[in-house]
Amino acid sequence: MKEVIAIVRINMMNHTKQALTECGVAAFFAHEAHGRGKGFVNPEVLEGAQQGYEEAASLLGEKGKLYPKRMLTAVV
């Protein structure tokens, strides 16, 4: 047996549940989680923020802001 853990954005939960059901996963657990990823950040803007440019830092938004997600756990 293997334990599979996935972190899923809130807007993708219905698609994920449907896909798990279609592939034969009988049961899984969903827990509330918060986090943020590196995705969708322009590397030039990130580099500018690291160098101390205020304009670049303001484009990144609030530092450390966590977004609601779901953590799915399934034993297969």
PDB file of N, CA and C in Angstrom:
ATOM      1  N   MET A   1       0.842  -1.186   0.000  1.00  0.00           N
ATOM      2  CA  MET A   1       0.000   0.000   0.000  1.00  0.00           C
ATOM      3  C   MET A   1       0.879   1.239   0.000  1.00  0.00           C
ATOM      4  N   LYS A   2       0.359   2.270  -0.610  1.00  0.00           N
ATOM      5  CA  LYS A   2       1.039   3.558  -0.675  1.00  0.00           C
ATOM      6  C   LYS A   2       0.091   4.642  -0.181  1.00  0.00           C
ATOM      7  N   GLU A   3       0.639   5.642   0.488  1.00  0.00           N
ATOM      8  CA  GLU A   3      -0.134   6.804   0.887  1.00  0.00           C
ATOM      9  C   GLU A   3       0.211   7.936  -0.077  1.00  0.00           C
ATOM     10  N   VAL A   4      -0.804   8.496  -0.686  1.00  0.00           N
ATOM     11  CA  VAL A   4      -0.626   9.589  -1.633  1.00  0.00           C
ATOM     12  C   VAL A   4      -1.201  10.851  -1.005  1.00  0.00           C
ATOM     13  N   ILE A   5      -0.376  11.892  -0.946  1.00  0.00           N
ATOM     14  CA  ILE A   5      -0.805  13.178  -0.394  1.00  0.00           C
ATOM     15  C   ILE A   5      -0.696  14.222  -1.484  1.00  0.00           C
ATOM     16  N   ALA A   6      -1.758  14.983  -1.678  1.00  0.00           N
ATOM     17  CA  ALA A   6      -1.769  16.024  -2.699  1.00  0.00           C
ATOM     18  C   ALA A   6      -2.338  17.303  -2.105  1.00  0.00           C
ATOM     19  N   ILE A   7      -1.750  18.424  -2.492  1.00  0.00           N
ATOM     20  CA  ILE A   7      -2.257  19.730  -2.100  1.00  0.00           C
ATOM     21  C   ILE A   7      -2.971  20.309  -3.330  1.00  0.00           C
ATOM     22  N   VAL A   8      -4.238  20.671  -3.163  1.00  0.00           N
ATOM     23  CA  VAL A   8      -5.072  21.076  -4.297  1.00  0.00           C
ATOM     24  C   VAL A   8      -5.668  22.455  -4.020  1.00  0.00           C
ATOM     25  N   ARG A   9      -5.691  23.296  -5.038  1.00  0.00           N
ATOM     26  CA  ARG A   9      -6.353  24.593  -4.917  1.00  0.00           C
ATOM     27  C   ARG A   9      -7.857  24.372  -4.748  1.00  0.00           C
ATOM     28  N   ILE A  10      -8.491  25.307  -4.066  1.00  0.00           N
ATOM     29  CA  ILE A  10      -9.929  25.191  -3.787  1.00  0.00           C
ATOM     30  C   ILE A  10     -10.732  25.068  -5.078  1.00  0.00           C
ATOM     31  N   ASN A  11     -10.368  25.849  -6.098  1.00  0.00           N
ATOM     32  CA  ASN A  11     -11.166  25.837  -7.322  1.00  0.00           C
ATOM     33  C   ASN A  11     -11.003  24.553  -8.128  1.00  0.00           C
ATOM     34  N   MET A  12     -10.075  23.688  -7.772  1.00  0.00           N
ATOM     35  CA  MET A  12      -9.866  22.428  -8.489  1.00  0.00           C
ATOM     36  C   MET A  12     -10.386  21.209  -7.717  1.00  0.00           C
ATOM     37  N   MET A  13     -11.022  21.428  -6.569  1.00  0.00           N
ATOM     38  CA  MET A  13     -11.459  20.297  -5.742  1.00  0.00           C
ATOM     39  C   MET A  13     -12.498  19.431  -6.439  1.00  0.00           C
ATOM     40  N   ASN A  14     -13.493  20.022  -7.087  1.00  0.00           N
ATOM     41  CA  ASN A  14     -14.523  19.217  -7.743  1.00  0.00           C
ATOM     42  C   ASN A  14     -13.945  18.370  -8.866  1.00  0.00           C
ATOM     43  N   HIS A  15     -13.036  18.948  -9.655  1.00  0.00           N
ATOM     44  CA  HIS A  15     -12.392  18.185 -10.729  1.00  0.00           C
ATOM     45  C   HIS A  15     -11.562  17.033 -10.159  1.00  0.00           C
ATOM     46  N   THR A  16     -10.880  17.308  -9.046  1.00  0.00           N
ATOM     47  CA  THR A  16     -10.032  16.290  -8.425  1.00  0.00           C
ATOM     48  C   THR A  16     -10.875  15.158  -7.856  1.00  0.00           C
ATOM     49  N   LYS A  17     -11.961  15.488  -7.169  1.00  0.00           N
ATOM     50  CA  LYS A  17     -12.841  14.455  -6.616  1.00  0.00           C
ATOM     51  C   LYS A  17     -13.424  13.589  -7.721  1.00  0.00           C
ATOM     52  N   GLN A  18     -13.837  14.212  -8.806  1.00  0.00           N
ATOM     53  CA  GLN A  18     -14.407  13.460  -9.928  1.00  0.00           C
ATOM     54  C   GLN A  18     -13.349  12.538 -10.543  1.00  0.00           C
ATOM     55  N   ALA A  19     -12.136  13.024 -10.724  1.00  0.00           N
ATOM     56  CA  ALA A  19     -11.069  12.211 -11.312  1.00  0.00           C
ATOM     57  C   ALA A  19     -10.704  11.042 -10.404  1.00  0.00           C
ATOM     58  N   LEU A  20     -10.669  11.258  -9.100  1.00  0.00           N
ATOM     59  CA  LEU A  20     -10.364  10.165  -8.165  1.00  0.00           C
ATOM     60  C   LEU A  20     -11.454   9.102  -8.204  1.00  0.00           C
ATOM     61  N   THR A  21     -12.693   9.522  -8.263  1.00  0.00           N
ATOM     62  CA  THR A  21     -13.804   8.576  -8.331  1.00  0.00           C
ATOM     63  C   THR A  21     -13.752   7.763  -9.621  1.00  0.00           C
ATOM     64  N   GLU A  22     -13.465   8.424 -10.742  1.00  0.00           N
ATOM     65  CA  GLU A  22     -13.414   7.736 -12.033  1.00  0.00           C
ATOM     66  C   GLU A  22     -12.272   6.727 -12.111  1.00  0.00           C
ATOM     67  N   CYS A  23     -11.157   7.003 -11.427  1.00  0.00           N
ATOM     68  CA  CYS A  23     -10.027   6.065 -11.510  1.00  0.00           C
ATOM     69  C   CYS A  23     -10.097   4.979 -10.448  1.00  0.00           C
ATOM     70  N   GLY A  24     -11.159   4.960  -9.635  1.00  0.00           N
ATOM     71  CA  GLY A  24     -11.375   3.841  -8.733  1.00  0.00           C
ATOM     72  C   GLY A  24     -10.926   4.035  -7.303  1.00  0.00           C
ATOM     73  N   VAL A  25     -10.586   5.248  -6.896  1.00  0.00           N
ATOM     74  CA  VAL A  25     -10.221   5.496  -5.495  1.00  0.00           C
ATOM     75  C   VAL A  25     -11.523   5.556  -4.702  1.00  0.00           C
ATOM     76  N   ALA A  26     -11.680   4.594  -3.814  1.00  0.00           N
ATOM     77  CA  ALA A  26     -12.944   4.463  -3.096  1.00  0.00           C
ATOM     78  C   ALA A  26     -13.131   5.526  -2.021  1.00  0.00           C
ATOM     79  N   ALA A  27     -12.043   5.900  -1.340  1.00  0.00           N
ATOM     80  CA  ALA A  27     -12.168   6.855  -0.245  1.00  0.00           C
ATOM     81  C   ALA A  27     -10.877   7.661  -0.122  1.00  0.00           C
ATOM     82  N   PHE A  28     -11.026   8.885   0.363  1.00  0.00           N
ATOM     83  CA  PHE A  28      -9.870   9.723   0.642  1.00  0.00           C
ATOM     84  C   PHE A  28     -10.261  10.736   1.702  1.00  0.00           C
ATOM     85  N   PHE A  29      -9.276  11.341   2.330  1.00  0.00           N
ATOM     86  CA  PHE A  29      -9.503  12.351   3.351  1.00  0.00           C
ATOM     87  C   PHE A  29      -9.136  13.713   2.792  1.00  0.00           C
ATOM     88  N   ALA A  30      -9.891  14.728   3.164  1.00  0.00           N
ATOM     89  CA  ALA A  30      -9.591  16.103   2.776  1.00  0.00           C
ATOM     90  C   ALA A  30      -9.458  16.944   4.039  1.00  0.00           C
ATOM     91  N   HIS A  31      -8.359  17.667   4.139  1.00  0.00           N
ATOM     92  CA  HIS A  31      -8.093  18.520   5.289  1.00  0.00           C
ATOM     93  C   HIS A  31      -7.890  19.946   4.802  1.00  0.00           C
ATOM     94  N   GLU A  32      -8.241  20.921   5.646  1.00  0.00           N
ATOM     95  CA  GLU A  32      -7.973  22.311   5.305  1.00  0.00           C
ATOM     96  C   GLU A  32      -6.477  22.559   5.399  1.00  0.00           C
ATOM     97  N   ALA A  33      -5.970  23.351   4.473  1.00  0.00           N
ATOM     98  CA  ALA A  33      -4.558  23.717   4.479  1.00  0.00           C
ATOM     99  C   ALA A  33      -4.426  25.138   3.951  1.00  0.00           C
ATOM    100  N   HIS A  34      -3.306  25.750   4.270  1.00  0.00           N
ATOM    101  CA  HIS A  34      -2.987  27.071   3.748  1.00  0.00           C
ATOM    102  C   HIS A  34      -1.559  27.024   3.241  1.00  0.00           C
ATOM    103  N   GLY A  35      -1.314  27.732   2.156  1.00  0.00           N
ATOM    104  CA  GLY A  35       0.039  27.757   1.627  1.00  0.00           C
ATOM    105  C   GLY A  35       0.125  28.648   0.415  1.00  0.00           C
ATOM    106  N   ARG A  36       1.321  28.714  -0.118  1.00  0.00           N
ATOM    107  CA  ARG A  36       1.543  29.456  -1.350  1.00  0.00           C
ATOM    108  C   ARG A  36       2.674  28.770  -2.092  1.00  0.00           C
ATOM    109  N   GLY A  37       2.654  28.877  -3.386  1.00  0.00           N
ATOM    110  CA  GLY A  37       3.697  28.277  -4.199  1.00  0.00           C
ATOM    111  C   GLY A  37       4.494  29.340  -4.925  1.00  0.00           C
ATOM    112  N   LYS A  38       5.473  28.908  -5.690  1.00  0.00           N
ATOM    113  CA  LYS A  38       6.297  29.837  -6.449  1.00  0.00           C
ATOM    114  C   LYS A  38       5.659  30.193  -7.783  1.00  0.00           C
ATOM    115  N   GLY A  39       4.655  29.442  -8.196  1.00  0.00           N
ATOM    116  CA  GLY A  39       4.095  29.558  -9.530  1.00  0.00           C
ATOM    117  C   GLY A  39       3.614  30.951  -9.911  1.00  0.00           C
ATOM    118  N   PHE A  40       3.663  31.239 -11.197  1.00  0.00           N
ATOM    119  CA  PHE A  40       3.136  32.458 -11.792  1.00  0.00           C
ATOM    120  C   PHE A  40       3.840  33.725 -11.317  1.00  0.00           C
ATOM    121  N   VAL A  41       5.115  33.634 -10.950  1.00  0.00           N
ATOM    122  CA  VAL A  41       5.887  34.802 -10.564  1.00  0.00           C
ATOM    123  C   VAL A  41       6.923  35.045 -11.649  1.00  0.00           C
ATOM    124  N   ASN A  42       6.916  36.258 -12.191  1.00  0.00           N
ATOM    125  CA  ASN A  42       7.893  36.634 -13.209  1.00  0.00           C
ATOM    126  C   ASN A  42       9.275  36.681 -12.560  1.00  0.00           C
ATOM    127  N   PRO A  43      10.265  35.938 -13.073  1.00  0.00           N
ATOM    128  CA  PRO A  43      11.589  35.913 -12.453  1.00  0.00           C
ATOM    129  C   PRO A  43      12.255  37.290 -12.406  1.00  0.00           C
ATOM    130  N   GLU A  44      11.983  38.142 -13.394  1.00  0.00           N
ATOM    131  CA  GLU A  44      12.573  39.484 -13.396  1.00  0.00           C
ATOM    132  C   GLU A  44      12.008  40.331 -12.257  1.00  0.00           C
ATOM    133  N   VAL A  45      10.722  40.198 -12.001  1.00  0.00           N
ATOM    134  CA  VAL A  45      10.096  40.938 -10.908  1.00  0.00           C
ATOM    135  C   VAL A  45      10.631  40.434  -9.571  1.00  0.00           C
ATOM    136  N   LEU A  46      10.778  39.125  -9.441  1.00  0.00           N
ATOM    137  CA  LEU A  46      11.308  38.544  -8.216  1.00  0.00           C
ATOM    138  C   LEU A  46      12.738  39.006  -7.966  1.00  0.00           C
ATOM    139  N   GLU A  47      13.547  39.032  -9.005  1.00  0.00           N
ATOM    140  CA  GLU A  47      14.934  39.490  -8.868  1.00  0.00           C
ATOM    141  C   GLU A  47      14.986  40.964  -8.474  1.00  0.00           C
ATOM    142  N   GLY A  48      14.113  41.777  -9.084  1.00  0.00           N
ATOM    143  CA  GLY A  48      14.045  43.193  -8.723  1.00  0.00           C
ATOM    144  C   GLY A  48      13.648  43.396  -7.275  1.00  0.00           C
ATOM    145  N   ALA A  49      12.723  42.591  -6.783  1.00  0.00           N
ATOM    146  CA  ALA A  49      12.305  42.692  -5.384  1.00  0.00           C
ATOM    147  C   ALA A  49      13.441  42.306  -4.449  1.00  0.00           C
ATOM    148  N   GLN A  50      14.217  41.291  -4.834  1.00  0.00           N
ATOM    149  CA  GLN A  50      15.353  40.869  -4.012  1.00  0.00           C
ATOM    150  C   GLN A  50      16.445  41.929  -3.979  1.00  0.00           C
ATOM    151  N   GLN A  51      16.548  42.725  -5.050  1.00  0.00           N
ATOM    152  CA  GLN A  51      17.550  43.787  -5.107  1.00  0.00           C
ATOM    153  C   GLN A  51      17.083  45.045  -4.383  1.00  0.00           C
ATOM    154  N   GLY A  52      15.831  45.080  -3.956  1.00  0.00           N
ATOM    155  CA  GLY A  52      15.332  46.175  -3.137  1.00  0.00           C
ATOM    156  C   GLY A  52      14.486  47.203  -3.857  1.00  0.00           C
ATOM    157  N   TYR A  53      14.076  46.946  -5.082  1.00  0.00           N
ATOM    158  CA  TYR A  53      13.216  47.889  -5.802  1.00  0.00           C
ATOM    159  C   TYR A  53      11.798  47.804  -5.255  1.00  0.00           C
ATOM    160  N   GLU A  54      11.285  48.936  -4.782  1.00  0.00           N
ATOM    161  CA  GLU A  54       9.959  48.956  -4.161  1.00  0.00           C
ATOM    162  C   GLU A  54       8.847  48.636  -5.151  1.00  0.00           C
ATOM    163  N   GLU A  55       9.008  49.069  -6.415  1.00  0.00           N
ATOM    164  CA  GLU A  55       7.979  48.805  -7.422  1.00  0.00           C
ATOM    165  C   GLU A  55       7.816  47.305  -7.648  1.00  0.00           C
ATOM    166  N   ALA A  56       8.932  46.600  -7.706  1.00  0.00           N
ATOM    167  CA  ALA A  56       8.882  45.154  -7.917  1.00  0.00           C
ATOM    168  C   ALA A  56       8.275  44.457  -6.709  1.00  0.00           C
ATOM    169  N   ALA A  57       8.619  44.918  -5.527  1.00  0.00           N
ATOM    170  CA  ALA A  57       8.078  44.308  -4.305  1.00  0.00           C
ATOM    171  C   ALA A  57       6.572  44.509  -4.223  1.00  0.00           C
ATOM    172  N   SER A  58       6.076  45.670  -4.669  1.00  0.00           N
ATOM    173  CA  SER A  58       4.640  45.908  -4.616  1.00  0.00           C
ATOM    174  C   SER A  58       3.884  45.026  -5.616  1.00  0.00           C
ATOM    175  N   LEU A  59       4.547  44.649  -6.725  1.00  0.00           N
ATOM    176  CA  LEU A  59       3.906  43.763  -7.701  1.00  0.00           C
ATOM    177  C   LEU A  59       3.745  42.342  -7.162  1.00  0.00           C
ATOM    178  N   LEU A  60       4.606  41.950  -6.239  1.00  0.00           N
ATOM    179  CA  LEU A  60       4.527  40.599  -5.690  1.00  0.00           C
ATOM    180  C   LEU A  60       3.391  40.451  -4.686  1.00  0.00           C
ATOM    181  N   GLY A  61       2.895  41.539  -4.146  1.00  0.00           N
ATOM    182  CA  GLY A  61       1.811  41.470  -3.178  1.00  0.00           C
ATOM    183  C   GLY A  61       2.350  41.341  -1.770  1.00  0.00           C
ATOM    184  N   GLU A  62       1.479  40.951  -0.874  1.00  0.00           N
ATOM    185  CA  GLU A  62       1.857  40.819   0.529  1.00  0.00           C
ATOM    186  C   GLU A  62       2.812  39.648   0.700  1.00  0.00           C
ATOM    187  N   LYS A  63       3.932  39.930   1.341  1.00  0.00           N
ATOM    188  CA  LYS A  63       4.913  38.868   1.553  1.00  0.00           C
ATOM    189  C   LYS A  63       4.381  37.880   2.583  1.00  0.00           C
ATOM    190  N   GLY A  64       4.466  36.624   2.258  1.00  0.00           N
ATOM    191  CA  GLY A  64       4.051  35.597   3.189  1.00  0.00           C
ATOM    192  C   GLY A  64       2.562  35.316   3.207  1.00  0.00           C
ATOM    193  N   LYS A  65       1.796  35.906   2.299  1.00  0.00           N
ATOM    194  CA  LYS A  65       0.356  35.678   2.287  1.00  0.00           C
ATOM    195  C   LYS A  65       0.076  34.220   1.947  1.00  0.00           C
ATOM    196  N   LEU A  66      -0.760  33.577   2.732  1.00  0.00           N
ATOM    197  CA  LEU A  66      -1.101  32.175   2.520  1.00  0.00           C
ATOM    198  C   LEU A  66      -2.497  32.081   1.937  1.00  0.00           C
ATOM    199  N   TYR A  67      -2.667  31.163   0.999  1.00  0.00           N
ATOM    200  CA  TYR A  67      -3.941  30.981   0.313  1.00  0.00           C
ATOM    201  C   TYR A  67      -4.595  29.681   0.774  1.00  0.00           C
ATOM    202  N   PRO A  68      -5.936  29.661   0.871  1.00  0.00           N
ATOM    203  CA  PRO A  68      -6.617  28.435   1.299  1.00  0.00           C
ATOM    204  C   PRO A  68      -6.491  27.339   0.244  1.00  0.00           C
ATOM    205  N   LYS A  69      -6.211  26.124   0.702  1.00  0.00           N
ATOM    206  CA  LYS A  69      -6.082  24.955  -0.152  1.00  0.00           C
ATOM    207  C   LYS A  69      -6.652  23.757   0.572  1.00  0.00           C
ATOM    208  N   ARG A  70      -6.640  22.617  -0.066  1.00  0.00           N
ATOM    209  CA  ARG A  70      -7.064  21.369   0.572  1.00  0.00           C
ATOM    210  C   ARG A  70      -5.955  20.335   0.421  1.00  0.00           C
ATOM    211  N   MET A  71      -5.716  19.596   1.478  1.00  0.00           N
ATOM    212  CA  MET A  71      -4.752  18.517   1.434  1.00  0.00           C
ATOM    213  C   MET A  71      -5.530  17.203   1.362  1.00  0.00           C
ATOM    214  N   LEU A  72      -5.338  16.471   0.295  1.00  0.00           N
ATOM    215  CA  LEU A  72      -6.019  15.183   0.103  1.00  0.00           C
ATOM    216  C   LEU A  72      -5.066  14.055   0.427  1.00  0.00           C
ATOM    217  N   THR A  73      -5.569  13.069   1.164  1.00  0.00           N
ATOM    218  CA  THR A  73      -4.775  11.902   1.516  1.00  0.00           C
ATOM    219  C   THR A  73      -5.564  10.657   1.098  1.00  0.00           C
ATOM    220  N   ALA A  74      -4.902   9.795   0.328  1.00  0.00           N
ATOM    221  CA  ALA A  74      -5.542   8.541  -0.101  1.00  0.00           C
ATOM    222  C   ALA A  74      -4.542   7.407   0.080  1.00  0.00           C
ATOM    223  N   VAL A  75      -5.029   6.278   0.539  1.00  0.00           N
ATOM    224  CA  VAL A  75      -4.207   5.072   0.651  1.00  0.00           C
ATOM    225  C   VAL A  75      -4.625   4.147  -0.487  1.00  0.00           C
ATOM    226  N   VAL A  76      -3.664   3.846  -1.352  1.00  0.00           N
ATOM    227  CA  VAL A  76      -3.964   3.025  -2.530  1.00  0.00           C
ATOM    228  C   VAL A  76      -3.097   1.788  -2.559  1.00  0.00           C
TER     229      VAL A  76
END
